[in-house]
Protein backbone atom coordinates (compact mmCIF):
# COMPACT_ATOMS: atom_id res chain seq x y z
CA MET A 1 76.46 125.19 -146.90
CA ARG A 2 74.99 125.06 -143.25
CA SER A 3 71.87 127.16 -143.54
CA ILE A 4 69.14 127.62 -146.11
CA CYS A 5 66.81 130.45 -146.13
CA VAL A 6 63.28 129.37 -147.51
CA PHE A 7 60.86 132.01 -148.70
CA CYS A 8 57.23 130.65 -148.74
CA GLY A 9 53.56 131.68 -148.15
CA SER A 10 51.80 132.73 -144.82
CA ARG A 11 48.89 130.90 -146.33
CA THR A 12 48.66 127.19 -147.66
CA GLY A 13 47.37 128.03 -150.98
CA SER A 14 44.66 126.26 -152.95
CA ASN A 15 46.57 123.28 -154.05
CA SER A 16 47.40 120.45 -151.55
CA GLN A 17 50.59 119.73 -153.50
CA TYR A 18 52.05 123.04 -152.05
CA GLU A 19 51.80 121.52 -148.48
CA LYS A 20 53.11 118.27 -149.57
CA VAL A 21 56.22 119.58 -151.17
CA THR A 22 56.82 121.88 -148.05
CA ARG A 23 56.75 118.71 -145.94
CA GLN A 24 59.35 117.04 -148.29
CA LEU A 25 61.48 120.12 -148.17
CA ALA A 26 61.53 119.92 -144.35
CA THR A 27 62.72 116.36 -144.54
CA GLU A 28 65.40 117.28 -147.02
CA LEU A 29 66.66 120.08 -144.88
CA VAL A 30 66.82 117.81 -141.71
CA ASP A 31 68.33 114.82 -143.72
CA ASN A 32 71.08 117.07 -144.91
CA SER A 33 71.69 118.77 -141.54
CA LEU A 34 70.69 122.20 -142.89
CA THR A 35 69.42 124.97 -140.66
CA LEU A 36 66.21 126.42 -141.71
CA ILE A 37 66.00 130.38 -141.83
CA TYR A 38 62.64 131.66 -142.50
CA GLY A 39 60.16 134.42 -141.74
CA ALA A 40 59.16 133.11 -138.29
CA GLY A 41 55.44 132.53 -138.95
CA ASP A 42 53.32 129.82 -137.52
CA ILE A 43 50.87 129.99 -140.23
CA GLY A 44 50.56 128.79 -143.83
CA LEU A 45 53.47 126.97 -145.42
CA MET A 46 55.76 128.96 -143.20
CA GLY A 47 54.30 127.40 -140.21
CA ILE A 48 54.19 123.98 -141.67
CA LEU A 49 57.78 124.10 -142.67
CA ALA A 50 59.13 124.94 -139.46
CA GLU A 51 57.00 122.58 -137.50
CA GLN A 52 58.07 119.68 -139.77
CA VAL A 53 61.73 120.58 -139.48
CA LEU A 54 61.40 121.07 -135.61
CA SER A 55 59.50 117.83 -135.23
CA LYS A 56 62.22 115.89 -136.91
CA GLY A 57 64.97 117.42 -134.68
CA GLY A 58 66.15 120.26 -137.08
CA ARG A 59 67.31 123.65 -136.33
CA VAL A 60 65.05 126.64 -137.09
CA ILE A 61 65.89 130.37 -137.16
CA GLY A 62 63.00 132.73 -137.50
CA ILE A 63 63.50 136.37 -138.62
CA ILE A 64 60.48 138.78 -138.40
CA PRO A 65 60.18 142.64 -138.28
CA ASN A 66 58.70 144.00 -135.06
CA HIS A 67 55.47 145.32 -136.88
CA LEU A 68 54.65 141.67 -138.15
CA CYS A 69 54.83 140.37 -134.71
CA LYS A 70 51.56 142.11 -133.90
CA LYS A 71 49.79 141.12 -137.17
CA GLU A 72 51.06 137.59 -137.80
CA ILE A 73 51.20 134.49 -135.37
CA VAL A 74 54.87 134.02 -134.57
CA HIS A 75 56.08 130.59 -133.99
CA ASN A 76 56.97 130.21 -130.27
CA GLY A 77 58.89 127.01 -130.50
CA LEU A 78 61.81 128.03 -132.71
CA THR A 79 65.63 127.36 -131.98
CA GLU A 80 66.20 131.11 -132.52
CA LEU A 81 63.84 133.96 -132.98
CA VAL A 82 65.35 137.34 -134.26
CA VAL A 83 63.00 140.49 -134.13
CA THR A 84 64.24 143.21 -136.47
CA GLU A 85 63.13 146.85 -136.82
CA ASN A 86 61.84 146.59 -140.31
CA MET A 87 61.53 144.48 -143.41
CA LEU A 88 64.70 145.72 -145.03
CA GLU A 89 66.63 144.77 -141.76
CA ARG A 90 64.80 141.41 -141.90
CA LYS A 91 65.92 140.67 -145.58
CA GLN A 92 69.48 141.97 -145.13
CA LEU A 93 69.77 139.35 -141.98
CA MET A 94 68.32 136.57 -144.15
CA MET A 95 70.82 137.25 -146.81
CA THR A 96 73.83 137.62 -144.40
CA ARG A 97 72.77 134.46 -142.33
CA ALA A 98 71.74 132.02 -145.10
CA ASP A 99 74.24 129.99 -147.27
CA GLY A 100 71.61 129.64 -150.00
CA PHE A 101 67.90 130.30 -150.79
CA ILE A 102 64.87 128.26 -151.91
CA ALA A 103 61.47 129.59 -152.78
CA LEU A 104 58.36 127.61 -152.25
CA PRO A 105 55.04 128.81 -153.55
CA GLY A 106 53.79 132.04 -151.93
CA GLY A 107 52.51 135.54 -152.46
CA LEU A 108 53.85 139.06 -152.82
CA GLY A 109 56.33 138.74 -149.92
CA THR A 110 57.77 135.62 -151.42
CA LEU A 111 58.15 137.26 -154.77
CA ASP A 112 59.71 140.33 -153.19
CA GLU A 113 62.27 138.13 -151.53
CA ILE A 114 63.00 136.12 -154.69
CA LEU A 115 63.53 139.30 -156.63
CA GLU A 116 65.61 140.87 -153.82
CA VAL A 117 68.14 137.89 -153.89
CA ALA A 118 68.06 137.72 -157.57
CA THR A 119 68.79 141.48 -158.00
CA TRP A 120 71.62 141.25 -155.34
CA LYS A 121 73.07 138.27 -157.26
CA GLN A 122 72.83 140.31 -160.54
CA LEU A 123 74.63 143.25 -159.11
CA GLY A 124 77.30 141.06 -157.54
CA GLN A 125 76.51 141.88 -153.89
CA ILE A 126 75.94 138.24 -153.05
CA SER A 127 77.13 134.91 -154.90
CA LYS A 128 74.82 132.55 -152.74
CA PRO A 129 72.70 130.09 -154.75
CA LEU A 130 68.96 130.64 -155.20
CA CYS A 131 66.39 128.20 -156.71
CA LEU A 132 62.57 127.92 -156.93
CA ILE A 133 60.58 124.80 -156.32
CA ASN A 134 58.22 124.80 -159.18
CA SER A 135 55.48 122.71 -157.35
CA ASP A 136 52.90 121.64 -159.84
CA GLY A 137 54.01 124.53 -162.38
CA PHE A 138 53.41 127.24 -159.89
CA TYR A 139 56.31 129.51 -161.01
CA ASP A 140 55.67 128.93 -164.75
CA PRO A 141 53.82 132.23 -165.25
CA PHE A 142 56.40 134.07 -163.21
CA ILE A 143 59.13 132.73 -165.49
CA SER A 144 57.14 133.62 -168.55
CA PHE A 145 56.70 137.19 -167.33
CA ILE A 146 60.56 137.32 -166.60
CA GLN A 147 60.97 136.04 -170.23
CA ASN A 148 58.79 138.85 -171.36
CA LEU A 149 61.43 141.26 -169.90
CA VAL A 150 64.05 139.57 -171.65
CA ASP A 151 62.16 139.76 -175.03
CA ALA A 152 61.18 143.44 -174.40
CA GLY A 153 65.02 144.17 -174.15
CA PHE A 154 65.04 144.88 -170.18
CA MET A 155 67.09 141.90 -169.39
CA ASP A 156 69.64 139.51 -171.04
CA GLN A 157 68.58 135.92 -171.43
CA THR A 158 71.60 134.91 -169.17
CA GLN A 159 69.84 136.68 -166.43
CA LEU A 160 67.02 133.99 -166.32
CA GLU A 161 69.81 131.83 -164.93
CA LEU A 162 69.35 133.70 -161.76
CA LEU A 163 65.97 131.96 -161.19
CA PRO A 164 66.55 128.20 -161.77
CA LEU A 165 63.52 126.02 -161.41
CA MET A 166 63.54 122.76 -159.66
CA GLU A 167 60.94 120.16 -159.73
CA THR A 168 61.49 118.72 -156.22
CA PRO A 169 62.80 119.61 -152.86
CA GLU A 170 65.45 116.82 -153.39
CA GLN A 171 66.56 118.38 -156.52
CA ALA A 172 66.66 121.94 -154.93
CA ILE A 173 68.81 120.60 -151.97
CA ARG A 174 71.06 119.00 -154.50
CA PHE A 175 71.57 121.99 -156.53
CA LEU A 176 72.28 124.17 -153.64
CA LEU A 177 74.70 121.77 -152.11
CA SER A 178 76.67 121.39 -155.39
CA SER A 179 76.46 125.19 -156.23
CA THR A 180 79.25 127.77 -156.01
CA GLY A 181 76.58 130.59 -156.26
């Protein structure tokens, strides 16, 4: 395990705990000599995470589609910036370059990325570990909805294991480092 792709919001959210856990994750990444791969933004939790990793001497790779370079503020101080043609290429590159995945709180883009990784895992396209940091219960409603899919017969109970919840960044890093996928 050399690199972790982190999915998170381009906003900070309404709970100060989200920023706190983001800073803690940055420390864990650097302390474990893990390269951060993320969406290249300089705003929201994305910007906080990248800036914290960089300020602690860590390595940060940002991957962003060309059309978002115009809409979002791209972090200019990254170790490496990769600009893709579209979102699909961005996600494929993230999945190829990362050895594991962590989701912090975020919006639709974060959910899209989580579900993309989980789906690829379910279909056997990748075997890299994924976990969600359930900061202050953020992902509880999401997991309840996924449980509804199980209860309605659209998923097996074992597929919930594709979305393990971790309470802390330290727990998430330990999970990824000890995981075989």
